[in-house]
Each structure stands twice: as C-alpha cells, then as structure tokens.
PDB file of N, CA and C in Angstrom:
ATOM      1  N   MET A   1      35.774 -18.530  12.660  1.00  0.00           N
ATOM      2  CA  MET A   1      35.411 -18.058  11.333  1.00  0.00           C
ATOM      3  C   MET A   1      33.972 -18.459  10.980  1.00  0.00           C
ATOM      4  N   LYS A   2      33.578 -19.704  11.354  1.00  0.00           N
ATOM      5  CA  LYS A   2      32.213 -20.146  11.065  1.00  0.00           C
ATOM      6  C   LYS A   2      31.196 -19.270  11.787  1.00  0.00           C
ATOM      7  N   SER A   3      31.501 -18.942  13.033  1.00  0.00           N
ATOM      8  CA  SER A   3      30.602 -18.104  13.818  1.00  0.00           C
ATOM      9  C   SER A   3      30.449 -16.721  13.180  1.00  0.00           C
ATOM     10  N   TYR A   4      31.540 -16.169  12.685  1.00  0.00           N
ATOM     11  CA  TYR A   4      31.520 -14.865  12.027  1.00  0.00           C
ATOM     12  C   TYR A   4      30.638 -14.909  10.782  1.00  0.00           C
ATOM     13  N   MET A   5      30.775 -15.957   9.985  1.00  0.00           N
ATOM     14  CA  MET A   5      29.978 -16.087   8.754  1.00  0.00           C
ATOM     15  C   MET A   5      28.489 -16.236   9.082  1.00  0.00           C
ATOM     16  N   LYS A   6      28.179 -17.032  10.109  1.00  0.00           N
ATOM     17  CA  LYS A   6      26.777 -17.187  10.504  1.00  0.00           C
ATOM     18  C   LYS A   6      26.191 -15.838  10.922  1.00  0.00           C
ATOM     19  N   THR A   7      26.955 -15.103  11.726  1.00  0.00           N
ATOM     20  CA  THR A   7      26.504 -13.788  12.174  1.00  0.00           C
ATOM     21  C   THR A   7      26.295 -12.856  10.993  1.00  0.00           C
ATOM     22  N   LEU A   8      27.217 -12.882  10.056  1.00  0.00           N
ATOM     23  CA  LEU A   8      27.128 -12.035   8.871  1.00  0.00           C
ATOM     24  C   LEU A   8      25.896 -12.384   8.037  1.00  0.00           C
ATOM     25  N   ILE A   9      25.659 -13.660   7.824  1.00  0.00           N
ATOM     26  CA  ILE A   9      24.512 -14.106   7.025  1.00  0.00           C
ATOM     27  C   ILE A   9      23.198 -13.730   7.714  1.00  0.00           C
ATOM     28  N   VAL A  10      23.118 -13.967   9.017  1.00  0.00           N
ATOM     29  CA  VAL A  10      21.905 -13.617   9.757  1.00  0.00           C
ATOM     30  C   VAL A  10      21.677 -12.106   9.719  1.00  0.00           C
ATOM     31  N   SER A  11      22.731 -11.330   9.870  1.00  0.00           N
ATOM     32  CA  SER A  11      22.611  -9.864   9.839  1.00  0.00           C
ATOM     33  C   SER A  11      22.077  -9.374   8.504  1.00  0.00           C
ATOM     34  N   PHE A  12      22.631  -9.876   7.402  1.00  0.00           N
ATOM     35  CA  PHE A  12      22.163  -9.450   6.083  1.00  0.00           C
ATOM     36  C   PHE A  12      20.730  -9.904   5.822  1.00  0.00           C
ATOM     37  N   THR A  13      20.385 -11.090   6.295  1.00  0.00           N
ATOM     38  CA  THR A  13      19.017 -11.578   6.131  1.00  0.00           C
ATOM     39  C   THR A  13      18.030 -10.669   6.869  1.00  0.00           C
ATOM     40  N   LEU A  14      18.368 -10.285   8.094  1.00  0.00           N
ATOM     41  CA  LEU A  14      17.499  -9.390   8.857  1.00  0.00           C
ATOM     42  C   LEU A  14      17.394  -8.016   8.210  1.00  0.00           C
ATOM     43  N   LEU A  15      18.503  -7.485   7.733  1.00  0.00           N
ATOM     44  CA  LEU A  15      18.476  -6.188   7.053  1.00  0.00           C
ATOM     45  C   LEU A  15      17.582  -6.239   5.820  1.00  0.00           C
ATOM     46  N   PHE A  16      17.693  -7.327   5.063  1.00  0.00           N
ATOM     47  CA  PHE A  16      16.868  -7.491   3.864  1.00  0.00           C
ATOM     48  C   PHE A  16      15.392  -7.546   4.234  1.00  0.00           C
ATOM     49  N   ALA A  17      15.068  -8.341   5.256  1.00  0.00           N
ATOM     50  CA  ALA A  17      13.669  -8.492   5.669  1.00  0.00           C
ATOM     51  C   ALA A  17      13.096  -7.175   6.174  1.00  0.00           C
ATOM     52  N   VAL A  18      13.850  -6.450   6.963  1.00  0.00           N
ATOM     53  CA  VAL A  18      13.386  -5.168   7.485  1.00  0.00           C
ATOM     54  C   VAL A  18      13.251  -4.154   6.360  1.00  0.00           C
ATOM     55  N   GLY A  19      14.195  -4.114   5.463  1.00  0.00           N
ATOM     56  CA  GLY A  19      14.183  -3.149   4.367  1.00  0.00           C
ATOM     57  C   GLY A  19      13.021  -3.335   3.424  1.00  0.00           C
ATOM     58  N   CYS A  20      12.576  -4.551   3.248  1.00  0.00           N
ATOM     59  CA  CYS A  20      11.484  -4.818   2.317  1.00  0.00           C
ATOM     60  C   CYS A  20      10.148  -4.303   2.826  1.00  0.00           C
ATOM     61  N   GLY A  21       9.987  -4.180   4.118  1.00  0.00           N
ATOM     62  CA  GLY A  21       8.680  -3.819   4.633  1.00  0.00           C
ATOM     63  C   GLY A  21       8.547  -2.410   5.169  1.00  0.00           C
ATOM     64  N   LEU A  22       9.490  -1.545   4.935  1.00  0.00           N
ATOM     65  CA  LEU A  22       9.441  -0.236   5.571  1.00  0.00           C
ATOM     66  C   LEU A  22       8.536   0.776   4.890  1.00  0.00           C
ATOM     67  N   THR A  23       8.277   0.635   3.632  1.00  0.00           N
ATOM     68  CA  THR A  23       7.447   1.617   2.950  1.00  0.00           C
ATOM     69  C   THR A  23       5.997   1.157   2.986  1.00  0.00           C
ATOM     70  N   THR A  24       5.153   1.947   3.639  1.00  0.00           N
ATOM     71  CA  THR A  24       3.734   1.623   3.714  1.00  0.00           C
ATOM     72  C   THR A  24       2.929   2.771   3.119  1.00  0.00           C
ATOM     73  N   PRO A  25       1.718   2.477   2.673  1.00  0.00           N
ATOM     74  CA  PRO A  25       0.890   3.541   2.102  1.00  0.00           C
ATOM     75  C   PRO A  25       0.525   4.604   3.139  1.00  0.00           C
ATOM     76  N   ASN A  26       0.369   5.825   2.674  1.00  0.00           N
ATOM     77  CA  ASN A  26      -0.098   6.935   3.502  1.00  0.00           C
ATOM     78  C   ASN A  26      -1.541   7.233   3.127  1.00  0.00           C
ATOM     79  N   VAL A  27      -2.361   7.518   4.138  1.00  0.00           N
ATOM     80  CA  VAL A  27      -3.761   7.860   3.886  1.00  0.00           C
ATOM     81  C   VAL A  27      -4.083   9.190   4.547  1.00  0.00           C
ATOM     82  N   MET A  28      -4.760  10.034   3.787  1.00  0.00           N
ATOM     83  CA  MET A  28      -5.309  11.266   4.341  1.00  0.00           C
ATOM     84  C   MET A  28      -6.831  11.105   4.307  1.00  0.00           C
ATOM     85  N   MET A  29      -7.441  11.003   5.475  1.00  0.00           N
ATOM     86  CA  MET A  29      -8.887  10.829   5.550  1.00  0.00           C
ATOM     87  C   MET A  29      -9.579  12.089   5.039  1.00  0.00           C
ATOM     88  N   THR A  30     -10.650  11.895   4.277  1.00  0.00           N
ATOM     89  CA  THR A  30     -11.407  13.031   3.749  1.00  0.00           C
ATOM     90  C   THR A  30     -12.821  13.075   4.327  1.00  0.00           C
ATOM     91  N   THR A  31     -13.069  12.257   5.341  1.00  0.00           N
ATOM     92  CA  THR A  31     -14.350  12.248   6.041  1.00  0.00           C
ATOM     93  C   THR A  31     -14.084  12.016   7.522  1.00  0.00           C
ATOM     94  N   SER A  32     -15.013  12.457   8.340  1.00  0.00           N
ATOM     95  CA  SER A  32     -14.878  12.194   9.776  1.00  0.00           C
ATOM     96  C   SER A  32     -15.555  10.876  10.160  1.00  0.00           C
ATOM     97  N   LYS A  33     -16.274  10.275   9.215  1.00  0.00           N
ATOM     98  CA  LYS A  33     -16.933   8.993   9.469  1.00  0.00           C
ATOM     99  C   LYS A  33     -15.880   7.901   9.623  1.00  0.00           C
ATOM    100  N   GLN A  34     -16.226   6.902  10.444  1.00  0.00           N
ATOM    101  CA  GLN A  34     -15.353   5.747  10.586  1.00  0.00           C
ATOM    102  C   GLN A  34     -16.115   4.513  10.132  1.00  0.00           C
ATOM    103  N   PHE A  35     -15.392   3.608   9.472  1.00  0.00           N
ATOM    104  CA  PHE A  35     -15.991   2.401   8.930  1.00  0.00           C
ATOM    105  C   PHE A  35     -15.224   1.187   9.438  1.00  0.00           C
ATOM    106  N   PRO A  36     -15.923   0.046   9.582  1.00  0.00           N
ATOM    107  CA  PRO A  36     -15.207  -1.164   9.985  1.00  0.00           C
ATOM    108  C   PRO A  36     -14.288  -1.625   8.848  1.00  0.00           C
ATOM    109  N   PRO A  37     -13.198  -2.293   9.191  1.00  0.00           N
ATOM    110  CA  PRO A  37     -12.290  -2.787   8.147  1.00  0.00           C
ATOM    111  C   PRO A  37     -13.009  -3.738   7.189  1.00  0.00           C
ATOM    112  N   THR A  38     -12.521  -3.781   5.970  1.00  0.00           N
ATOM    113  CA  THR A  38     -13.045  -4.702   4.959  1.00  0.00           C
ATOM    114  C   THR A  38     -11.964  -5.724   4.619  1.00  0.00           C
ATOM    115  N   ASN A  39     -12.313  -6.665   3.771  1.00  0.00           N
ATOM    116  CA  ASN A  39     -11.368  -7.697   3.336  1.00  0.00           C
ATOM    117  C   ASN A  39     -10.462  -7.122   2.244  1.00  0.00           C
ATOM    118  N   PRO A  40      -9.142  -7.103   2.454  1.00  0.00           N
ATOM    119  CA  PRO A  40      -8.240  -6.543   1.433  1.00  0.00           C
ATOM    120  C   PRO A  40      -8.384  -7.216   0.065  1.00  0.00           C
ATOM    121  N   ASP A  41      -8.705  -8.515   0.063  1.00  0.00           N
ATOM    122  CA  ASP A  41      -8.850  -9.230  -1.208  1.00  0.00           C
ATOM    123  C   ASP A  41     -10.076  -8.766  -1.988  1.00  0.00           C
ATOM    124  N   ALA A  42     -11.029  -8.137  -1.302  1.00  0.00           N
ATOM    125  CA  ALA A  42     -12.250  -7.668  -1.965  1.00  0.00           C
ATOM    126  C   ALA A  42     -12.142  -6.220  -2.438  1.00  0.00           C
ATOM    127  N   VAL A  43     -11.079  -5.516  -2.050  1.00  0.00           N
ATOM    128  CA  VAL A  43     -10.912  -4.114  -2.461  1.00  0.00           C
ATOM    129  C   VAL A  43     -10.531  -4.079  -3.935  1.00  0.00           C
ATOM    130  N   LYS A  44     -11.357  -3.419  -4.742  1.00  0.00           N
ATOM    131  CA  LYS A  44     -11.099  -3.334  -6.185  1.00  0.00           C
ATOM    132  C   LYS A  44     -10.286  -2.087  -6.492  1.00  0.00           C
ATOM    133  N   ILE A  45      -9.451  -2.205  -7.509  1.00  0.00           N
ATOM    134  CA  ILE A  45      -8.669  -1.058  -7.967  1.00  0.00           C
ATOM    135  C   ILE A  45      -9.138  -0.700  -9.366  1.00  0.00           C
ATOM    136  N   TYR A  46      -9.588   0.543  -9.523  1.00  0.00           N
ATOM    137  CA  TYR A  46     -10.064   1.044 -10.809  1.00  0.00           C
ATOM    138  C   TYR A  46      -9.008   1.986 -11.382  1.00  0.00           C
ATOM    139  N   LEU A  47      -8.354   1.537 -12.436  1.00  0.00           N
ATOM    140  CA  LEU A  47      -7.317   2.362 -13.052  1.00  0.00           C
ATOM    141  C   LEU A  47      -7.914   3.443 -13.943  1.00  0.00           C
ATOM    142  N   THR A  48      -8.989   3.114 -14.662  1.00  0.00           N
ATOM    143  CA  THR A  48      -9.583   4.091 -15.581  1.00  0.00           C
ATOM    144  C   THR A  48     -11.074   4.286 -15.329  1.00  0.00           C
ATOM    145  N   ASP A  49     -11.806   3.202 -15.157  1.00  0.00           N
ATOM    146  CA  ASP A  49     -13.249   3.281 -14.944  1.00  0.00           C
ATOM    147  C   ASP A  49     -13.555   3.635 -13.495  1.00  0.00           C
ATOM    148  N   LYS A  50     -14.827   3.879 -13.242  1.00  0.00           N
ATOM    149  CA  LYS A  50     -15.324   4.073 -11.884  1.00  0.00           C
ATOM    150  C   LYS A  50     -16.472   3.097 -11.678  1.00  0.00           C
ATOM    151  N   PRO A  51     -16.787   2.758 -10.435  1.00  0.00           N
ATOM    152  CA  PRO A  51     -17.909   1.852 -10.185  1.00  0.00           C
ATOM    153  C   PRO A  51     -19.225   2.468 -10.661  1.00  0.00           C
ATOM    154  N   THR A  52     -20.152   1.623 -11.038  1.00  0.00           N
ATOM    155  CA  THR A  52     -21.455   2.106 -11.483  1.00  0.00           C
ATOM    156  C   THR A  52     -22.369   2.398 -10.290  1.00  0.00           C
ATOM    157  N   LYS A  53     -22.102   1.764  -9.140  1.00  0.00           N
ATOM    158  CA  LYS A  53     -22.872   2.041  -7.922  1.00  0.00           C
ATOM    159  C   LYS A  53     -22.442   3.381  -7.338  1.00  0.00           C
ATOM    160  N   SER A  54     -23.320   3.978  -6.544  1.00  0.00           N
ATOM    161  CA  SER A  54     -22.944   5.235  -5.884  1.00  0.00           C
ATOM    162  C   SER A  54     -21.970   4.931  -4.742  1.00  0.00           C
ATOM    163  N   PHE A  55     -21.148   5.928  -4.429  1.00  0.00           N
ATOM    164  CA  PHE A  55     -20.111   5.742  -3.415  1.00  0.00           C
ATOM    165  C   PHE A  55     -19.759   7.087  -2.810  1.00  0.00           C
ATOM    166  N   GLU A  56     -18.994   7.040  -1.720  1.00  0.00           N
ATOM    167  CA  GLU A  56     -18.468   8.269  -1.140  1.00  0.00           C
ATOM    168  C   GLU A  56     -16.966   8.122  -0.933  1.00  0.00           C
ATOM    169  N   GLU A  57     -16.269   9.221  -1.119  1.00  0.00           N
ATOM    170  CA  GLU A  57     -14.826   9.250  -0.899  1.00  0.00           C
ATOM    171  C   GLU A  57     -14.573   9.257   0.603  1.00  0.00           C
ATOM    172  N   ILE A  58     -13.644   8.394   1.052  1.00  0.00           N
ATOM    173  CA  ILE A  58     -13.309   8.389   2.478  1.00  0.00           C
ATOM    174  C   ILE A  58     -11.841   8.734   2.732  1.00  0.00           C
ATOM    175  N   GLY A  59     -11.021   8.713   1.683  1.00  0.00           N
ATOM    176  CA  GLY A  59      -9.621   9.060   1.890  1.00  0.00           C
ATOM    177  C   GLY A  59      -8.839   9.130   0.598  1.00  0.00           C
ATOM    178  N   ARG A  60      -7.671   9.723   0.697  1.00  0.00           N
ATOM    179  CA  ARG A  60      -6.716   9.776  -0.416  1.00  0.00           C
ATOM    180  C   ARG A  60      -5.508   8.966   0.016  1.00  0.00           C
ATOM    181  N   ILE A  61      -5.027   8.115  -0.879  1.00  0.00           N
ATOM    182  CA  ILE A  61      -3.964   7.181  -0.534  1.00  0.00           C
ATOM    183  C   ILE A  61      -2.783   7.353  -1.482  1.00  0.00           C
ATOM    184  N   SER A  62      -1.590   7.141  -0.970  1.00  0.00           N
ATOM    185  CA  SER A  62      -0.392   7.190  -1.813  1.00  0.00           C
ATOM    186  C   SER A  62       0.649   6.243  -1.243  1.00  0.00           C
ATOM    187  N   ILE A  63       1.532   5.779  -2.113  1.00  0.00           N
ATOM    188  CA  ILE A  63       2.619   4.896  -1.691  1.00  0.00           C
ATOM    189  C   ILE A  63       3.837   5.159  -2.570  1.00  0.00           C
ATOM    190  N   ASN A  64       4.988   5.160  -1.953  1.00  0.00           N
ATOM    191  CA  ASN A  64       6.243   5.324  -2.677  1.00  0.00           C
ATOM    192  C   ASN A  64       6.525   4.048  -3.471  1.00  0.00           C
ATOM    193  N   LYS A  65       6.926   4.181  -4.718  1.00  0.00           N
ATOM    194  CA  LYS A  65       7.207   3.027  -5.569  1.00  0.00           C
ATOM    195  C   LYS A  65       8.571   2.406  -5.284  1.00  0.00           C
ATOM    196  N   TYR A  66       9.358   3.075  -4.448  1.00  0.00           N
ATOM    197  CA  TYR A  66      10.699   2.589  -4.120  1.00  0.00           C
ATOM    198  C   TYR A  66      10.825   2.427  -2.620  1.00  0.00           C
ATOM    199  N   SER A  67      11.558   1.414  -2.201  1.00  0.00           N
ATOM    200  CA  SER A  67      11.807   1.202  -0.786  1.00  0.00           C
ATOM    201  C   SER A  67      12.583   2.386  -0.232  1.00  0.00           C
ATOM    202  N   THR A  68      12.206   2.833   0.963  1.00  0.00           N
ATOM    203  CA  THR A  68      12.847   4.022   1.534  1.00  0.00           C
ATOM    204  C   THR A  68      13.609   3.743   2.814  1.00  0.00           C
ATOM    205  N   GLY A  69      13.772   2.492   3.176  1.00  0.00           N
ATOM    206  CA  GLY A  69      14.486   2.219   4.419  1.00  0.00           C
ATOM    207  C   GLY A  69      15.188   0.884   4.403  1.00  0.00           C
ATOM    208  N   GLY A  70      16.024   0.676   5.401  1.00  0.00           N
ATOM    209  CA  GLY A  70      16.737  -0.581   5.549  1.00  0.00           C
ATOM    210  C   GLY A  70      17.773  -0.781   4.466  1.00  0.00           C
ATOM    211  N   ALA A  71      18.092  -2.027   4.217  1.00  0.00           N
ATOM    212  CA  ALA A  71      19.146  -2.367   3.261  1.00  0.00           C
ATOM    213  C   ALA A  71      18.693  -2.224   1.818  1.00  0.00           C
ATOM    214  N   MET A  72      17.384  -2.059   1.599  1.00  0.00           N
ATOM    215  CA  MET A  72      16.852  -2.070   0.238  1.00  0.00           C
ATOM    216  C   MET A  72      16.474  -0.673  -0.259  1.00  0.00           C
ATOM    217  N   VAL A  73      17.110   0.359   0.270  1.00  0.00           N
ATOM    218  CA  VAL A  73      16.795   1.735  -0.113  1.00  0.00           C
ATOM    219  C   VAL A  73      16.901   1.903  -1.623  1.00  0.00           C
ATOM    220  N   GLY A  74      15.860   2.475  -2.219  1.00  0.00           N
ATOM    221  CA  GLY A  74      15.879   2.779  -3.642  1.00  0.00           C
ATOM    222  C   GLY A  74      15.505   1.638  -4.561  1.00  0.00           C
ATOM    223  N   VAL A  75      15.188   0.465  -4.018  1.00  0.00           N
ATOM    224  CA  VAL A  75      14.828  -0.676  -4.852  1.00  0.00           C
ATOM    225  C   VAL A  75      13.367  -0.543  -5.268  1.00  0.00           C
ATOM    226  N   SER A  76      13.127  -0.636  -6.567  1.00  0.00           N
ATOM    227  CA  SER A  76      11.776  -0.524  -7.111  1.00  0.00           C
ATOM    228  C   SER A  76      10.927  -1.711  -6.668  1.00  0.00           C
ATOM    229  N   ARG A  77       9.671  -1.424  -6.315  1.00  0.00           N
ATOM    230  CA  ARG A  77       8.754  -2.483  -5.927  1.00  0.00           C
ATOM    231  C   ARG A  77       7.833  -2.805  -7.094  1.00  0.00           C
ATOM    232  N   SER A  78       7.410  -4.049  -7.182  1.00  0.00           N
ATOM    233  CA  SER A  78       6.555  -4.471  -8.287  1.00  0.00           C
ATOM    234  C   SER A  78       5.164  -3.859  -8.156  1.00  0.00           C
ATOM    235  N   SER A  79       4.477  -3.747  -9.284  1.00  0.00           N
ATOM    236  CA  SER A  79       3.098  -3.241  -9.277  1.00  0.00           C
ATOM    237  C   SER A  79       2.214  -4.108  -8.398  1.00  0.00           C
ATOM    238  N   ASN A  80       2.414  -5.435  -8.449  1.00  0.00           N
ATOM    239  CA  ASN A  80       1.613  -6.334  -7.616  1.00  0.00           C
ATOM    240  C   ASN A  80       1.797  -6.029  -6.136  1.00  0.00           C
ATOM    241  N   GLU A  81       3.043  -5.785  -5.721  1.00  0.00           N
ATOM    242  CA  GLU A  81       3.322  -5.468  -4.321  1.00  0.00           C
ATOM    243  C   GLU A  81       2.696  -4.124  -3.936  1.00  0.00           C
ATOM    244  N   ILE A  82       2.817  -3.148  -4.816  1.00  0.00           N
ATOM    245  CA  ILE A  82       2.238  -1.823  -4.550  1.00  0.00           C
ATOM    246  C   ILE A  82       0.719  -1.926  -4.409  1.00  0.00           C
ATOM    247  N   TYR A  83       0.052  -2.605  -5.347  1.00  0.00           N
ATOM    248  CA  TYR A  83      -1.404  -2.732  -5.293  1.00  0.00           C
ATOM    249  C   TYR A  83      -1.848  -3.533  -4.069  1.00  0.00           C
ATOM    250  N   LYS A  84      -1.093  -4.551  -3.700  1.00  0.00           N
ATOM    251  CA  LYS A  84      -1.405  -5.336  -2.501  1.00  0.00           C
ATOM    252  C   LYS A  84      -1.359  -4.437  -1.269  1.00  0.00           C
ATOM    253  N   ASN A  85      -0.318  -3.630  -1.155  1.00  0.00           N
ATOM    254  CA  ASN A  85      -0.195  -2.719  -0.012  1.00  0.00           C
ATOM    255  C   ASN A  85      -1.305  -1.666  -0.009  1.00  0.00           C
ATOM    256  N   LEU A  86      -1.663  -1.151  -1.191  1.00  0.00           N
ATOM    257  CA  LEU A  86      -2.762  -0.185  -1.276  1.00  0.00           C
ATOM    258  C   LEU A  86      -4.076  -0.817  -0.823  1.00  0.00           C
ATOM    259  N   ARG A  87      -4.342  -2.053  -1.281  1.00  0.00           N
ATOM    260  CA  ARG A  87      -5.576  -2.750  -0.890  1.00  0.00           C
ATOM    261  C   ARG A  87      -5.638  -2.948   0.626  1.00  0.00           C
ATOM    262  N   GLU A  88      -4.513  -3.373   1.204  1.00  0.00           N
ATOM    263  CA  GLU A  88      -4.484  -3.619   2.650  1.00  0.00           C
ATOM    264  C   GLU A  88      -4.775  -2.341   3.434  1.00  0.00           C
ATOM    265  N   LYS A  89      -4.166  -1.240   3.031  1.00  0.00           N
ATOM    266  CA  LYS A  89      -4.370   0.024   3.748  1.00  0.00           C
ATOM    267  C   LYS A  89      -5.800   0.531   3.552  1.00  0.00           C
ATOM    268  N   ALA A  90      -6.312   0.454   2.313  1.00  0.00           N
ATOM    269  CA  ALA A  90      -7.690   0.882   2.047  1.00  0.00           C
ATOM    270  C   ALA A  90      -8.671   0.048   2.869  1.00  0.00           C
ATOM    271  N   ALA A  91      -8.447  -1.255   2.942  1.00  0.00           N
ATOM    272  CA  ALA A  91      -9.322  -2.134   3.719  1.00  0.00           C
ATOM    273  C   ALA A  91      -9.282  -1.778   5.205  1.00  0.00           C
ATOM    274  N   SER A  92      -8.122  -1.378   5.691  1.00  0.00           N
ATOM    275  CA  SER A  92      -7.988  -1.061   7.119  1.00  0.00           C
ATOM    276  C   SER A  92      -8.830   0.151   7.532  1.00  0.00           C
ATOM    277  N   ILE A  93      -9.164   1.020   6.583  1.00  0.00           N
ATOM    278  CA  ILE A  93     -10.014   2.180   6.895  1.00  0.00           C
ATOM    279  C   ILE A  93     -11.456   1.976   6.413  1.00  0.00           C
ATOM    280  N   GLY A  94     -11.776   0.759   5.963  1.00  0.00           N
ATOM    281  CA  GLY A  94     -13.139   0.443   5.551  1.00  0.00           C
ATOM    282  C   GLY A  94     -13.429   0.646   4.084  1.00  0.00           C
ATOM    283  N   GLY A  95     -12.402   0.823   3.269  1.00  0.00           N
ATOM    284  CA  GLY A  95     -12.594   1.050   1.842  1.00  0.00           C
ATOM    285  C   GLY A  95     -13.052  -0.186   1.091  1.00  0.00           C
ATOM    286  N   ASP A  96     -13.875   0.051   0.072  1.00  0.00           N
ATOM    287  CA  ASP A  96     -14.327  -1.027  -0.811  1.00  0.00           C
ATOM    288  C   ASP A  96     -13.576  -1.022  -2.134  1.00  0.00           C
ATOM    289  N   ALA A  97     -13.021   0.133  -2.502  1.00  0.00           N
ATOM    290  CA  ALA A  97     -12.327   0.248  -3.788  1.00  0.00           C
ATOM    291  C   ALA A  97     -11.394   1.456  -3.758  1.00  0.00           C
ATOM    292  N   ILE A  98     -10.494   1.479  -4.743  1.00  0.00           N
ATOM    293  CA  ILE A  98      -9.613   2.627  -4.953  1.00  0.00           C
ATOM    294  C   ILE A  98      -9.812   3.071  -6.395  1.00  0.00           C
ATOM    295  N   ILE A  99     -10.158   4.349  -6.575  1.00  0.00           N
ATOM    296  CA  ILE A  99     -10.400   4.883  -7.916  1.00  0.00           C
ATOM    297  C   ILE A  99      -9.361   5.947  -8.244  1.00  0.00           C
ATOM    298  N   ASN A 100      -9.400   6.396  -9.496  1.00  0.00           N
ATOM    299  CA  ASN A 100      -8.500   7.465  -9.966  1.00  0.00           C
ATOM    300  C   ASN A 100      -7.036   7.154  -9.664  1.00  0.00           C
ATOM    301  N   VAL A 101      -6.644   5.908  -9.868  1.00  0.00           N
ATOM    302  CA  VAL A 101      -5.261   5.504  -9.590  1.00  0.00           C
ATOM    303  C   VAL A 101      -4.351   6.097 -10.655  1.00  0.00           C
ATOM    304  N   THR A 102      -3.357   6.845 -10.207  1.00  0.00           N
ATOM    305  CA  THR A 102      -2.380   7.467 -11.104  1.00  0.00           C
ATOM    306  C   THR A 102      -0.981   7.245 -10.546  1.00  0.00           C
ATOM    307  N   GLU A 103      -0.005   7.418 -11.404  1.00  0.00           N
ATOM    308  CA  GLU A 103       1.388   7.233 -11.007  1.00  0.00           C
ATOM    309  C   GLU A 103       2.239   8.354 -11.556  1.00  0.00           C
ATOM    310  N   ASP A 104       3.286   8.679 -10.825  1.00  0.00           N
ATOM    311  CA  ASP A 104       4.340   9.516 -11.379  1.00  0.00           C
ATOM    312  C   ASP A 104       5.644   8.737 -11.208  1.00  0.00           C
ATOM    313  N   MET A 105       6.755   9.391 -11.321  1.00  0.00           N
ATOM    314  CA  MET A 105       8.042   8.687 -11.262  1.00  0.00           C
ATOM    315  C   MET A 105       8.271   7.981  -9.923  1.00  0.00           C
ATOM    316  N   MET A 106       7.767   8.558  -8.834  1.00  0.00           N
ATOM    317  CA  MET A 106       8.082   8.050  -7.501  1.00  0.00           C
ATOM    318  C   MET A 106       6.906   7.450  -6.736  1.00  0.00           C
ATOM    319  N   THR A 107       5.688   7.834  -7.089  1.00  0.00           N
ATOM    320  CA  THR A 107       4.546   7.537  -6.224  1.00  0.00           C
ATOM    321  C   THR A 107       3.339   7.050  -7.017  1.00  0.00           C
ATOM    322  N   THR A 108       2.549   6.189  -6.391  1.00  0.00           N
ATOM    323  CA  THR A 108       1.249   5.781  -6.909  1.00  0.00           C
ATOM    324  C   THR A 108       0.189   6.377  -5.980  1.00  0.00           C
ATOM    325  N   TYR A 109      -0.855   6.993  -6.576  1.00  0.00           N
ATOM    326  CA  TYR A 109      -1.895   7.699  -5.831  1.00  0.00           C
ATOM    327  C   TYR A 109      -3.265   7.114  -6.159  1.00  0.00           C
ATOM    328  N   GLY A 110      -4.219   7.342  -5.276  1.00  0.00           N
ATOM    329  CA  GLY A 110      -5.591   6.954  -5.549  1.00  0.00           C
ATOM    330  C   GLY A 110      -6.544   7.535  -4.527  1.00  0.00           C
ATOM    331  N   VAL A 111      -7.833   7.301  -4.753  1.00  0.00           N
ATOM    332  CA  VAL A 111      -8.892   7.767  -3.861  1.00  0.00           C
ATOM    333  C   VAL A 111      -9.610   6.534  -3.321  1.00  0.00           C
ATOM    334  N   VAL A 112      -9.673   6.420  -1.999  1.00  0.00           N
ATOM    335  CA  VAL A 112     -10.352   5.295  -1.355  1.00  0.00           C
ATOM    336  C   VAL A 112     -11.831   5.645  -1.233  1.00  0.00           C
ATOM    337  N   ILE A 113     -12.685   4.697  -1.636  1.00  0.00           N
ATOM    338  CA  ILE A 113     -14.126   4.938  -1.591  1.00  0.00           C
ATOM    339  C   ILE A 113     -14.852   3.840  -0.822  1.00  0.00           C
ATOM    340  N   LYS A 114     -16.037   4.198  -0.340  1.00  0.00           N
ATOM    341  CA  LYS A 114     -16.956   3.272   0.315  1.00  0.00           C
ATOM    342  C   LYS A 114     -18.216   3.238  -0.524  1.00  0.00           C
ATOM    343  N   MET A 115     -18.606   2.042  -0.951  1.00  0.00           N
ATOM    344  CA  MET A 115     -19.815   1.893  -1.756  1.00  0.00           C
ATOM    345  C   MET A 115     -21.053   2.150  -0.898  1.00  0.00           C
ATOM    346  N   SER A 116     -22.053   2.772  -1.489  1.00  0.00           N
ATOM    347  CA  SER A 116     -23.327   2.982  -0.796  1.00  0.00           C
ATOM    348  C   SER A 116     -24.067   1.656  -0.732  1.00  0.00           C
ATOM    349  N   PRO A 117     -24.794   1.427   0.370  1.00  0.00           N
ATOM    350  CA  PRO A 117     -25.520   0.141   0.498  1.00  0.00           C
ATOM    351  C   PRO A 117     -26.652   0.006  -0.493  1.00  0.00           C
TER     352      PRO A 117
END
C-alpha cells in the first residue's frame, strides 16, 4: 500500500509539473533580420505608451492565458507568469520591448520591437 501511495503521489506531482509548463508564447516574425538574444529581465512591456526612441518591429507575439496541456488544462495563469513568458520569448528573438499589449478572453497579444542604436 505504501508503494502504491508513493507511486500515486509521484505521478500527480509529475503531471502537475508538466501541465504547468506546456503553454508557451507563439511568435510570428515580421522581419527576415536575425538578432542576438537579449536579457529577458531587460525586456520592457508597454501596455499603453510606446518608447520615445526609434525602433523596428521584429515580430508579433501571443500567449494563451490558460494552460492547454497536462493535468492543469484550463487553469488560468497569472499576469506575472504571462508577462514573464512573453519577456523570455521576446528576448530569445532579440527583442528589447513589447508594445501594443492587448488581451481578450483567451489570449494576450503584443508586438516585439528592437530599439534603434
């Protein structure tokens, strides 16, 4: 019986861990240029304003606000988690910021930009 309970607990723990990480941001590149990755902590998110420096759009990004896989299907994710994932994905394609961030019932959207030097 103890072995069964251990197996059950480990199984649910793994399902929970896998389910939490299955939804990742999607990016549609809008330029053929490639940029080196940036630091995710430095990627700014502009909800209403835009940067005063000149910039170019490098991609469009979106992420589902609800988990779509594993044991956590349909569980709402926090804004902090969503923004963290957006920053990480934007940084991976060389983005410095995300502008025009909007939300609907299911998805958060934005435009990834690269600041001009």
